[in-house]
Amino acid sequence: MNTNELIGKKIKNLRYEAKLTQNQLADELSIHPKHLSNIENGKKSITISLLDKLCNIFKKPAIFFFDFEEHKIFDDDIRIIDSIVHRLKTTDDKTRKDIAQIVRILVKK
C-alpha cells in the first residue's frame, strides 16, 4: 500500500468515526465530494492546505496522518464495514431483518 492509500484510509476512518458523509466532509473542506473520494481511495495526493483543514476538523496533529503503524487495523475494519454495508444493500428484506436482529443481540453483550 502506498502513502496516498495509507493517508486516504486514515481520513476515511476519521470520517466514519465522526459519522460524516463524504459530502459533509467535502463541504467542510471546500472541495468536490469526488475529489475527497479520490483522496480516500489513494488516487489523489492530499495538499498541505487540505491536510491543515483536516487537522483542524479532526483535532489531530499533522504527524497523525503519517503514522502508519496501525494501518492494518484500519484496513481490516474498513473492509469489514464496507462488506457488511454492501451485503445489507444487496439482500432481501427478510435477510436484512435477520442480520439486524443478530447485530442487536451482539451489541447487547
PDB file of N, CA and C in Angstrom:
ATOM      1  N   MET A   1       0.850  -1.180   0.000  1.00  0.00           N
ATOM      2  CA  MET A   1       0.000   0.000   0.000  1.00  0.00           C
ATOM      3  C   MET A   1       0.895   1.241   0.000  1.00  0.00           C
ATOM      4  N   ASN A   2       0.590   2.204  -0.871  1.00  0.00           N
ATOM      5  CA  ASN A   2       1.434   3.398  -0.945  1.00  0.00           C
ATOM      6  C   ASN A   2       0.967   4.477   0.042  1.00  0.00           C
ATOM      7  N   THR A   3       1.737   5.539   0.138  1.00  0.00           N
ATOM      8  CA  THR A   3       1.470   6.607   1.105  1.00  0.00           C
ATOM      9  C   THR A   3       0.108   7.246   0.885  1.00  0.00           C
ATOM     10  N   ASN A   4      -0.256   7.511  -0.370  1.00  0.00           N
ATOM     11  CA  ASN A   4      -1.566   8.113  -0.639  1.00  0.00           C
ATOM     12  C   ASN A   4      -2.688   7.223  -0.113  1.00  0.00           C
ATOM     13  N   GLU A   5      -2.560   5.929  -0.321  1.00  0.00           N
ATOM     14  CA  GLU A   5      -3.587   4.998   0.144  1.00  0.00           C
ATOM     15  C   GLU A   5      -3.662   4.965   1.674  1.00  0.00           C
ATOM     16  N   LEU A   6      -2.511   4.973   2.321  1.00  0.00           N
ATOM     17  CA  LEU A   6      -2.480   4.939   3.784  1.00  0.00           C
ATOM     18  C   LEU A   6      -3.100   6.195   4.388  1.00  0.00           C
ATOM     19  N   ILE A   7      -2.769   7.351   3.835  1.00  0.00           N
ATOM     20  CA  ILE A   7      -3.349   8.610   4.315  1.00  0.00           C
ATOM     21  C   ILE A   7      -4.850   8.618   4.041  1.00  0.00           C
ATOM     22  N   GLY A   8      -5.235   8.172   2.855  1.00  0.00           N
ATOM     23  CA  GLY A   8      -6.655   8.119   2.500  1.00  0.00           C
ATOM     24  C   GLY A   8      -7.454   7.254   3.453  1.00  0.00           C
ATOM     25  N   LYS A   9      -6.884   6.122   3.847  1.00  0.00           N
ATOM     26  CA  LYS A   9      -7.569   5.222   4.791  1.00  0.00           C
ATOM     27  C   LYS A   9      -7.744   5.896   6.151  1.00  0.00           C
ATOM     28  N   LYS A  10      -6.747   6.643   6.567  1.00  0.00           N
ATOM     29  CA  LYS A  10      -6.860   7.354   7.848  1.00  0.00           C
ATOM     30  C   LYS A  10      -7.976   8.389   7.790  1.00  0.00           C
ATOM     31  N   ILE A  11      -8.047   9.120   6.691  1.00  0.00           N
ATOM     32  CA  ILE A  11      -9.095  10.133   6.530  1.00  0.00           C
ATOM     33  C   ILE A  11     -10.466   9.470   6.540  1.00  0.00           C
ATOM     34  N   LYS A  12     -10.592   8.386   5.789  1.00  0.00           N
ATOM     35  CA  LYS A  12     -11.867   7.670   5.709  1.00  0.00           C
ATOM     36  C   LYS A  12     -12.277   7.164   7.092  1.00  0.00           C
ATOM     37  N   ASN A  13     -11.339   6.613   7.846  1.00  0.00           N
ATOM     38  CA  ASN A  13     -11.639   6.117   9.186  1.00  0.00           C
ATOM     39  C   ASN A  13     -12.082   7.253  10.109  1.00  0.00           C
ATOM     40  N   LEU A  14     -11.391   8.376  10.056  1.00  0.00           N
ATOM     41  CA  LEU A  14     -11.783   9.524  10.874  1.00  0.00           C
ATOM     42  C   LEU A  14     -13.185  10.004  10.504  1.00  0.00           C
ATOM     43  N   ARG A  15     -13.473  10.006   9.212  1.00  0.00           N
ATOM     44  CA  ARG A  15     -14.797  10.436   8.743  1.00  0.00           C
ATOM     45  C   ARG A  15     -15.865   9.490   9.267  1.00  0.00           C
ATOM     46  N   TYR A  16     -15.603   8.172   9.201  1.00  0.00           N
ATOM     47  CA  TYR A  16     -16.551   7.190   9.746  1.00  0.00           C
ATOM     48  C   TYR A  16     -16.771   7.416  11.240  1.00  0.00           C
ATOM     49  N   GLU A  17     -15.674   7.597  11.969  1.00  0.00           N
ATOM     50  CA  GLU A  17     -15.774   7.801  13.415  1.00  0.00           C
ATOM     51  C   GLU A  17     -16.583   9.047  13.751  1.00  0.00           C
ATOM     52  N   ALA A  18     -16.456  10.078  12.929  1.00  0.00           N
ATOM     53  CA  ALA A  18     -17.177  11.329  13.151  1.00  0.00           C
ATOM     54  C   ALA A  18     -18.600  11.271  12.590  1.00  0.00           C
ATOM     55  N   LYS A  19     -18.943  10.136  11.973  1.00  0.00           N
ATOM     56  CA  LYS A  19     -20.267   9.940  11.370  1.00  0.00           C
ATOM     57  C   LYS A  19     -20.587  11.013  10.336  1.00  0.00           C
ATOM     58  N   LEU A  20     -19.572  11.323   9.524  1.00  0.00           N
ATOM     59  CA  LEU A  20     -19.738  12.293   8.444  1.00  0.00           C
ATOM     60  C   LEU A  20     -19.820  11.558   7.112  1.00  0.00           C
ATOM     61  N   THR A  21     -20.646  12.055   6.217  1.00  0.00           N
ATOM     62  CA  THR A  21     -20.662  11.524   4.858  1.00  0.00           C
ATOM     63  C   THR A  21     -19.535  12.188   4.077  1.00  0.00           C
ATOM     64  N   GLN A  22     -19.232  11.628   2.921  1.00  0.00           N
ATOM     65  CA  GLN A  22     -18.228  12.264   2.073  1.00  0.00           C
ATOM     66  C   GLN A  22     -18.692  13.667   1.679  1.00  0.00           C
ATOM     67  N   ASN A  23     -19.966  13.824   1.399  1.00  0.00           N
ATOM     68  CA  ASN A  23     -20.480  15.140   1.025  1.00  0.00           C
ATOM     69  C   ASN A  23     -20.292  16.153   2.147  1.00  0.00           C
ATOM     70  N   GLN A  24     -20.568  15.731   3.376  1.00  0.00           N
ATOM     71  CA  GLN A  24     -20.426  16.647   4.515  1.00  0.00           C
ATOM     72  C   GLN A  24     -18.976  17.063   4.720  1.00  0.00           C
ATOM     73  N   LEU A  25     -18.055  16.095   4.690  1.00  0.00           N
ATOM     74  CA  LEU A  25     -16.646  16.438   4.881  1.00  0.00           C
ATOM     75  C   LEU A  25     -16.128  17.259   3.711  1.00  0.00           C
ATOM     76  N   ALA A  26     -16.533  16.903   2.509  1.00  0.00           N
ATOM     77  CA  ALA A  26     -16.107  17.668   1.335  1.00  0.00           C
ATOM     78  C   ALA A  26     -16.561  19.122   1.458  1.00  0.00           C
ATOM     79  N   ASP A  27     -17.779  19.342   1.938  1.00  0.00           N
ATOM     80  CA  ASP A  27     -18.266  20.710   2.149  1.00  0.00           C
ATOM     81  C   ASP A  27     -17.387  21.460   3.145  1.00  0.00           C
ATOM     82  N   GLU A  28     -17.028  20.783   4.243  1.00  0.00           N
ATOM     83  CA  GLU A  28     -16.177  21.433   5.249  1.00  0.00           C
ATOM     84  C   GLU A  28     -14.795  21.756   4.694  1.00  0.00           C
ATOM     85  N   LEU A  29     -14.335  20.923   3.754  1.00  0.00           N
ATOM     86  CA  LEU A  29     -13.014  21.137   3.151  1.00  0.00           C
ATOM     87  C   LEU A  29     -13.067  22.062   1.931  1.00  0.00           C
ATOM     88  N   SER A  30     -14.270  22.415   1.517  1.00  0.00           N
ATOM     89  CA  SER A  30     -14.487  23.243   0.317  1.00  0.00           C
ATOM     90  C   SER A  30     -13.928  22.578  -0.937  1.00  0.00           C
ATOM     91  N   ILE A  31     -14.174  21.258  -1.046  1.00  0.00           N
ATOM     92  CA  ILE A  31     -13.772  20.527  -2.247  1.00  0.00           C
ATOM     93  C   ILE A  31     -14.966  19.706  -2.740  1.00  0.00           C
ATOM     94  N   HIS A  32     -14.859  19.197  -3.950  1.00  0.00           N
ATOM     95  CA  HIS A  32     -15.905  18.363  -4.527  1.00  0.00           C
ATOM     96  C   HIS A  32     -15.854  16.978  -3.863  1.00  0.00           C
ATOM     97  N   PRO A  33     -17.009  16.362  -3.602  1.00  0.00           N
ATOM     98  CA  PRO A  33     -17.013  15.030  -2.998  1.00  0.00           C
ATOM     99  C   PRO A  33     -16.201  13.997  -3.784  1.00  0.00           C
ATOM    100  N   LYS A  34     -16.174  14.107  -5.095  1.00  0.00           N
ATOM    101  CA  LYS A  34     -15.396  13.173  -5.914  1.00  0.00           C
ATOM    102  C   LYS A  34     -13.901  13.329  -5.614  1.00  0.00           C
ATOM    103  N   HIS A  35     -13.463  14.557  -5.388  1.00  0.00           N
ATOM    104  CA  HIS A  35     -12.062  14.796  -5.045  1.00  0.00           C
ATOM    105  C   HIS A  35     -11.729  14.124  -3.705  1.00  0.00           C
ATOM    106  N   LEU A  36     -12.637  14.259  -2.739  1.00  0.00           N
ATOM    107  CA  LEU A  36     -12.433  13.605  -1.446  1.00  0.00           C
ATOM    108  C   LEU A  36     -12.408  12.092  -1.621  1.00  0.00           C
ATOM    109  N   SER A  37     -13.302  11.561  -2.427  1.00  0.00           N
ATOM    110  CA  SER A  37     -13.318  10.121  -2.697  1.00  0.00           C
ATOM    111  C   SER A  37     -11.984   9.662  -3.276  1.00  0.00           C
ATOM    112  N   ASN A  38     -11.443  10.436  -4.214  1.00  0.00           N
ATOM    113  CA  ASN A  38     -10.148  10.095  -4.811  1.00  0.00           C
ATOM    114  C   ASN A  38      -9.018  10.122  -3.785  1.00  0.00           C
ATOM    115  N   ILE A  39      -9.078  11.057  -2.851  1.00  0.00           N
ATOM    116  CA  ILE A  39      -8.064  11.127  -1.792  1.00  0.00           C
ATOM    117  C   ILE A  39      -8.212   9.915  -0.873  1.00  0.00           C
ATOM    118  N   GLU A  40      -9.446   9.629  -0.450  1.00  0.00           N
ATOM    119  CA  GLU A  40      -9.668   8.499   0.454  1.00  0.00           C
ATOM    120  C   GLU A  40      -9.273   7.163  -0.171  1.00  0.00           C
ATOM    121  N   ASN A  41      -9.396   7.062  -1.473  1.00  0.00           N
ATOM    122  CA  ASN A  41      -9.053   5.817  -2.167  1.00  0.00           C
ATOM    123  C   ASN A  41      -7.604   5.783  -2.647  1.00  0.00           C
ATOM    124  N   GLY A  42      -6.831   6.819  -2.299  1.00  0.00           N
ATOM    125  CA  GLY A  42      -5.418   6.841  -2.642  1.00  0.00           C
ATOM    126  C   GLY A  42      -5.122   7.184  -4.090  1.00  0.00           C
ATOM    127  N   LYS A  43      -6.114   7.667  -4.815  1.00  0.00           N
ATOM    128  CA  LYS A  43      -5.928   8.010  -6.227  1.00  0.00           C
ATOM    129  C   LYS A  43      -5.354   9.412  -6.408  1.00  0.00           C
ATOM    130  N   LYS A  44      -5.527  10.253  -5.397  1.00  0.00           N
ATOM    131  CA  LYS A  44      -5.006  11.627  -5.433  1.00  0.00           C
ATOM    132  C   LYS A  44      -4.216  11.903  -4.166  1.00  0.00           C
ATOM    133  N   SER A  45      -3.222  12.753  -4.294  1.00  0.00           N
ATOM    134  CA  SER A  45      -2.438  13.182  -3.132  1.00  0.00           C
ATOM    135  C   SER A  45      -3.166  14.305  -2.415  1.00  0.00           C
ATOM    136  N   ILE A  46      -2.957  14.369  -1.122  1.00  0.00           N
ATOM    137  CA  ILE A  46      -3.550  15.453  -0.346  1.00  0.00           C
ATOM    138  C   ILE A  46      -2.600  16.644  -0.359  1.00  0.00           C
ATOM    139  N   THR A  47      -3.147  17.833  -0.439  1.00  0.00           N
ATOM    140  CA  THR A  47      -2.319  19.043  -0.389  1.00  0.00           C
ATOM    141  C   THR A  47      -2.082  19.434   1.071  1.00  0.00           C
ATOM    142  N   ILE A  48      -1.087  20.250   1.274  1.00  0.00           N
ATOM    143  CA  ILE A  48      -0.797  20.750   2.628  1.00  0.00           C
ATOM    144  C   ILE A  48      -1.983  21.554   3.143  1.00  0.00           C
ATOM    145  N   SER A  49      -2.611  22.318   2.269  1.00  0.00           N
ATOM    146  CA  SER A  49      -3.772  23.117   2.657  1.00  0.00           C
ATOM    147  C   SER A  49      -4.916  22.239   3.161  1.00  0.00           C
ATOM    148  N   LEU A  50      -5.210  21.151   2.435  1.00  0.00           N
ATOM    149  CA  LEU A  50      -6.261  20.235   2.874  1.00  0.00           C
ATOM    150  C   LEU A  50      -5.859  19.507   4.152  1.00  0.00           C
ATOM    151  N   LEU A  51      -4.602  19.138   4.242  1.00  0.00           N
ATOM    152  CA  LEU A  51      -4.111  18.480   5.450  1.00  0.00           C
ATOM    153  C   LEU A  51      -4.315  19.390   6.662  1.00  0.00           C
ATOM    154  N   ASP A  52      -4.019  20.657   6.508  1.00  0.00           N
ATOM    155  CA  ASP A  52      -4.197  21.624   7.583  1.00  0.00           C
ATOM    156  C   ASP A  52      -5.669  21.717   7.988  1.00  0.00           C
ATOM    157  N   LYS A  53      -6.570  21.733   7.005  1.00  0.00           N
ATOM    158  CA  LYS A  53      -8.006  21.781   7.304  1.00  0.00           C
ATOM    159  C   LYS A  53      -8.452  20.516   8.041  1.00  0.00           C
ATOM    160  N   LEU A  54      -7.942  19.354   7.611  1.00  0.00           N
ATOM    161  CA  LEU A  54      -8.293  18.098   8.273  1.00  0.00           C
ATOM    162  C   LEU A  54      -7.812  18.084   9.720  1.00  0.00           C
ATOM    163  N   CYS A  55      -6.616  18.608   9.946  1.00  0.00           N
ATOM    164  CA  CYS A  55      -6.079  18.694  11.311  1.00  0.00           C
ATOM    165  C   CYS A  55      -7.010  19.515  12.202  1.00  0.00           C
ATOM    166  N   ASN A  56      -7.513  20.604  11.669  1.00  0.00           N
ATOM    167  CA  ASN A  56      -8.427  21.461  12.433  1.00  0.00           C
ATOM    168  C   ASN A  56      -9.780  20.795  12.657  1.00  0.00           C
ATOM    169  N   ILE A  57     -10.308  20.144  11.635  1.00  0.00           N
ATOM    170  CA  ILE A  57     -11.618  19.493  11.742  1.00  0.00           C
ATOM    171  C   ILE A  57     -11.587  18.353  12.757  1.00  0.00           C
ATOM    172  N   PHE A  58     -10.561  17.499  12.650  1.00  0.00           N
ATOM    173  CA  PHE A  58     -10.499  16.305  13.495  1.00  0.00           C
ATOM    174  C   PHE A  58      -9.637  16.481  14.741  1.00  0.00           C
ATOM    175  N   LYS A  59      -9.098  17.677  14.932  1.00  0.00           N
ATOM    176  CA  LYS A  59      -8.272  17.969  16.115  1.00  0.00           C
ATOM    177  C   LYS A  59      -7.112  16.983  16.241  1.00  0.00           C
ATOM    178  N   LYS A  60      -6.411  16.787  15.137  1.00  0.00           N
ATOM    179  CA  LYS A  60      -5.259  15.879  15.083  1.00  0.00           C
ATOM    180  C   LYS A  60      -4.040  16.655  14.608  1.00  0.00           C
ATOM    181  N   PRO A  61      -2.845  16.303  15.106  1.00  0.00           N
ATOM    182  CA  PRO A  61      -1.628  16.916  14.577  1.00  0.00           C
ATOM    183  C   PRO A  61      -1.328  16.325  13.193  1.00  0.00           C
ATOM    184  N   ALA A  62      -0.634  17.062  12.375  1.00  0.00           N
ATOM    185  CA  ALA A  62      -0.324  16.602  11.017  1.00  0.00           C
ATOM    186  C   ALA A  62       0.401  15.258  11.018  1.00  0.00           C
ATOM    187  N   ILE A  63       1.254  15.039  11.995  1.00  0.00           N
ATOM    188  CA  ILE A  63       2.020  13.791  12.046  1.00  0.00           C
ATOM    189  C   ILE A  63       1.105  12.574  12.159  1.00  0.00           C
ATOM    190  N   PHE A  64      -0.078  12.752  12.726  1.00  0.00           N
ATOM    191  CA  PHE A  64      -1.045  11.657  12.846  1.00  0.00           C
ATOM    192  C   PHE A  64      -1.299  10.994  11.490  1.00  0.00           C
ATOM    193  N   PHE A  65      -1.393  11.804  10.445  1.00  0.00           N
ATOM    194  CA  PHE A  65      -1.720  11.286   9.117  1.00  0.00           C
ATOM    195  C   PHE A  65      -0.556  10.525   8.482  1.00  0.00           C
ATOM    196  N   PHE A  66       0.631  10.633   9.085  1.00  0.00           N
ATOM    197  CA  PHE A  66       1.816   9.952   8.554  1.00  0.00           C
ATOM    198  C   PHE A  66       2.316   8.832   9.475  1.00  0.00           C
ATOM    199  N   ASP A  67       1.565   8.549  10.519  1.00  0.00           N
ATOM    200  CA  ASP A  67       1.902   7.443  11.419  1.00  0.00           C
ATOM    201  C   ASP A  67       1.141   6.217  10.934  1.00  0.00           C
ATOM    202  N   PHE A  68       1.858   5.291  10.300  1.00  0.00           N
ATOM    203  CA  PHE A  68       1.211   4.156   9.645  1.00  0.00           C
ATOM    204  C   PHE A  68       1.315   2.851  10.420  1.00  0.00           C
ATOM    205  N   GLU A  69       1.667   2.916  11.685  1.00  0.00           N
ATOM    206  CA  GLU A  69       1.821   1.700  12.486  1.00  0.00           C
ATOM    207  C   GLU A  69       0.530   0.894  12.557  1.00  0.00           C
ATOM    208  N   GLU A  70      -0.600   1.565  12.613  1.00  0.00           N
ATOM    209  CA  GLU A  70      -1.867   0.866  12.789  1.00  0.00           C
ATOM    210  C   GLU A  70      -2.656   0.724  11.484  1.00  0.00           C
ATOM    211  N   HIS A  71      -2.023   0.919  10.338  1.00  0.00           N
ATOM    212  CA  HIS A  71      -2.784   0.917   9.083  1.00  0.00           C
ATOM    213  C   HIS A  71      -3.465  -0.403   8.793  1.00  0.00           C
ATOM    214  N   LYS A  72      -2.913  -1.509   9.251  1.00  0.00           N
ATOM    215  CA  LYS A  72      -3.534  -2.810   9.001  1.00  0.00           C
ATOM    216  C   LYS A  72      -4.872  -2.918   9.726  1.00  0.00           C
ATOM    217  N   ILE A  73      -4.940  -2.366  10.933  1.00  0.00           N
ATOM    218  CA  ILE A  73      -6.193  -2.381  11.688  1.00  0.00           C
ATOM    219  C   ILE A  73      -7.245  -1.579  10.941  1.00  0.00           C
ATOM    220  N   PHE A  74      -6.888  -0.377  10.469  1.00  0.00           N
ATOM    221  CA  PHE A  74      -7.833   0.452   9.720  1.00  0.00           C
ATOM    222  C   PHE A  74      -8.317  -0.280   8.474  1.00  0.00           C
ATOM    223  N   ASP A  75      -7.405  -0.889   7.736  1.00  0.00           N
ATOM    224  CA  ASP A  75      -7.765  -1.612   6.516  1.00  0.00           C
ATOM    225  C   ASP A  75      -8.778  -2.705   6.805  1.00  0.00           C
ATOM    226  N   ASP A  76      -8.507  -3.510   7.818  1.00  0.00           N
ATOM    227  CA  ASP A  76      -9.410  -4.609   8.149  1.00  0.00           C
ATOM    228  C   ASP A  76     -10.767  -4.098   8.584  1.00  0.00           C
ATOM    229  N   ASP A  77     -10.789  -3.096   9.452  1.00  0.00           N
ATOM    230  CA  ASP A  77     -12.061  -2.546   9.935  1.00  0.00           C
ATOM    231  C   ASP A  77     -12.885  -1.969   8.799  1.00  0.00           C
ATOM    232  N   ILE A  78     -12.258  -1.195   7.956  1.00  0.00           N
ATOM    233  CA  ILE A  78     -12.978  -0.568   6.850  1.00  0.00           C
ATOM    234  C   ILE A  78     -13.466  -1.618   5.860  1.00  0.00           C
ATOM    235  N   ARG A  79     -12.651  -2.609   5.587  1.00  0.00           N
ATOM    236  CA  ARG A  79     -13.048  -3.679   4.667  1.00  0.00           C
ATOM    237  C   ARG A  79     -14.263  -4.433   5.209  1.00  0.00           C
ATOM    238  N   ILE A  80     -14.268  -4.724   6.500  1.00  0.00           N
ATOM    239  CA  ILE A  80     -15.393  -5.423   7.120  1.00  0.00           C
ATOM    240  C   ILE A  80     -16.654  -4.565   7.056  1.00  0.00           C
ATOM    241  N   ILE A  81     -16.543  -3.306   7.407  1.00  0.00           N
ATOM    242  CA  ILE A  81     -17.696  -2.405   7.382  1.00  0.00           C
ATOM    243  C   ILE A  81     -18.233  -2.276   5.959  1.00  0.00           C
ATOM    244  N   ASP A  82     -17.351  -2.071   4.992  1.00  0.00           N
ATOM    245  CA  ASP A  82     -17.782  -1.967   3.600  1.00  0.00           C
ATOM    246  C   ASP A  82     -18.491  -3.227   3.133  1.00  0.00           C
ATOM    247  N   SER A  83     -17.994  -4.376   3.539  1.00  0.00           N
ATOM    248  CA  SER A  83     -18.601  -5.653   3.159  1.00  0.00           C
ATOM    249  C   SER A  83     -20.001  -5.790   3.750  1.00  0.00           C
ATOM    250  N   ILE A  84     -20.146  -5.429   5.012  1.00  0.00           N
ATOM    251  CA  ILE A  84     -21.461  -5.500   5.661  1.00  0.00           C
ATOM    252  C   ILE A  84     -22.448  -4.560   4.982  1.00  0.00           C
ATOM    253  N   VAL A  85     -22.026  -3.338   4.742  1.00  0.00           N
ATOM    254  CA  VAL A  85     -22.906  -2.361   4.091  1.00  0.00           C
ATOM    255  C   VAL A  85     -23.322  -2.856   2.706  1.00  0.00           C
ATOM    256  N   HIS A  86     -22.378  -3.386   1.949  1.00  0.00           N
ATOM    257  CA  HIS A  86     -22.687  -3.906   0.609  1.00  0.00           C
ATOM    258  C   HIS A  86     -23.718  -5.034   0.695  1.00  0.00           C
ATOM    259  N   ARG A  87     -23.496  -5.966   1.608  1.00  0.00           N
ATOM    260  CA  ARG A  87     -24.433  -7.089   1.753  1.00  0.00           C
ATOM    261  C   ARG A  87     -25.817  -6.614   2.178  1.00  0.00           C
ATOM    262  N   LEU A  88     -25.869  -5.639   3.073  1.00  0.00           N
ATOM    263  CA  LEU A  88     -27.164  -5.116   3.505  1.00  0.00           C
ATOM    264  C   LEU A  88     -27.908  -4.430   2.364  1.00  0.00           C
ATOM    265  N   LYS A  89     -27.168  -3.756   1.494  1.00  0.00           N
ATOM    266  CA  LYS A  89     -27.795  -3.065   0.369  1.00  0.00           C
ATOM    267  C   LYS A  89     -28.288  -4.027  -0.705  1.00  0.00           C
ATOM    268  N   THR A  90     -27.681  -5.202  -0.800  1.00  0.00           N
ATOM    269  CA  THR A  90     -27.988  -6.105  -1.912  1.00  0.00           C
ATOM    270  C   THR A  90     -28.790  -7.334  -1.493  1.00  0.00           C
ATOM    271  N   THR A  91     -29.291  -7.366  -0.265  1.00  0.00           N
ATOM    272  CA  THR A  91     -30.022  -8.543   0.201  1.00  0.00           C
ATOM    273  C   THR A  91     -31.513  -8.233   0.322  1.00  0.00           C
ATOM    274  N   ASP A  92     -32.308  -9.271   0.467  1.00  0.00           N
ATOM    275  CA  ASP A  92     -33.754  -9.105   0.588  1.00  0.00           C
ATOM    276  C   ASP A  92     -34.122  -8.628   1.998  1.00  0.00           C
ATOM    277  N   ASP A  93     -35.371  -8.171   2.148  1.00  0.00           N
ATOM    278  CA  ASP A  93     -35.820  -7.599   3.423  1.00  0.00           C
ATOM    279  C   ASP A  93     -35.751  -8.591   4.580  1.00  0.00           C
ATOM    280  N   LYS A  94     -36.142  -9.834   4.363  1.00  0.00           N
ATOM    281  CA  LYS A  94     -36.124 -10.826   5.439  1.00  0.00           C
ATOM    282  C   LYS A  94     -34.703 -11.047   5.945  1.00  0.00           C
ATOM    283  N   THR A  95     -33.760 -11.213   5.032  1.00  0.00           N
ATOM    284  CA  THR A  95     -32.362 -11.423   5.431  1.00  0.00           C
ATOM    285  C   THR A  95     -31.837 -10.192   6.160  1.00  0.00           C
ATOM    286  N   ARG A  96     -32.193  -9.014   5.672  1.00  0.00           N
ATOM    287  CA  ARG A  96     -31.758  -7.762   6.309  1.00  0.00           C
ATOM    288  C   ARG A  96     -32.285  -7.699   7.748  1.00  0.00           C
ATOM    289  N   LYS A  97     -33.550  -8.086   7.950  1.00  0.00           N
ATOM    290  CA  LYS A  97     -34.127  -8.090   9.298  1.00  0.00           C
ATOM    291  C   LYS A  97     -33.431  -9.116  10.186  1.00  0.00           C
ATOM    292  N   ASP A  98     -33.115 -10.288   9.640  1.00  0.00           N
ATOM    293  CA  ASP A  98     -32.400 -11.312  10.402  1.00  0.00           C
ATOM    294  C   ASP A  98     -31.023 -10.812  10.828  1.00  0.00           C
ATOM    295  N   ILE A  99     -30.328 -10.151   9.913  1.00  0.00           N
ATOM    296  CA  ILE A  99     -28.996  -9.606  10.224  1.00  0.00           C
ATOM    297  C   ILE A  99     -29.112  -8.537  11.308  1.00  0.00           C
ATOM    298  N   ALA A 100     -30.112  -7.675  11.197  1.00  0.00           N
ATOM    299  CA  ALA A 100     -30.310  -6.618  12.194  1.00  0.00           C
ATOM    300  C   ALA A 100     -30.571  -7.223  13.569  1.00  0.00           C
ATOM    301  N   GLN A 101     -31.341  -8.324  13.626  1.00  0.00           N
ATOM    302  CA  GLN A 101     -31.621  -8.980  14.896  1.00  0.00           C
ATOM    303  C   GLN A 101     -30.333  -9.547  15.508  1.00  0.00           C
ATOM    304  N   ILE A 102     -29.482 -10.151  14.670  1.00  0.00           N
ATOM    305  CA  ILE A 102     -28.212 -10.691  15.167  1.00  0.00           C
ATOM    306  C   ILE A 102     -27.325  -9.563  15.695  1.00  0.00           C
ATOM    307  N   VAL A 103     -27.274  -8.459  14.990  1.00  0.00           N
ATOM    308  CA  VAL A 103     -26.458  -7.319  15.423  1.00  0.00           C
ATOM    309  C   VAL A 103     -26.972  -6.786  16.762  1.00  0.00           C
ATOM    310  N   ARG A 104     -28.291  -6.690  16.905  1.00  0.00           N
ATOM    311  CA  ARG A 104     -28.852  -6.221  18.187  1.00  0.00           C
ATOM    312  C   ARG A 104     -28.413  -7.116  19.343  1.00  0.00           C
ATOM    313  N   ILE A 105     -28.441  -8.432  19.116  1.00  0.00           N
ATOM    314  CA  ILE A 105     -28.015  -9.383  20.163  1.00  0.00           C
ATOM    315  C   ILE A 105     -26.550  -9.167  20.504  1.00  0.00           C
ATOM    316  N   LEU A 106     -25.698  -9.009  19.476  1.00  0.00           N
ATOM    317  CA  LEU A 106     -24.263  -8.818  19.705  1.00  0.00           C
ATOM    318  C   LEU A 106     -23.970  -7.515  20.442  1.00  0.00           C
ATOM    319  N   VAL A 107     -24.708  -6.485  20.120  1.00  0.00           N
ATOM    320  CA  VAL A 107     -24.472  -5.180  20.732  1.00  0.00           C
ATOM    321  C   VAL A 107     -24.847  -5.205  22.218  1.00  0.00           C
ATOM    322  N   LYS A 108     -25.842  -5.995  22.577  1.00  0.00           N
ATOM    323  CA  LYS A 108     -26.276  -6.076  23.973  1.00  0.00           C
ATOM    324  C   LYS A 108     -25.267  -6.786  24.855  1.00  0.00           C
ATOM    325  N   LYS A 109     -24.407  -7.637  24.273  1.00  0.00           N
ATOM    326  CA  LYS A 109     -23.450  -8.411  25.089  1.00  0.00           C
ATOM    327  C   LYS A 109     -22.276  -7.595  25.530  1.00  0.00           C
TER     328      LYS A 109
END
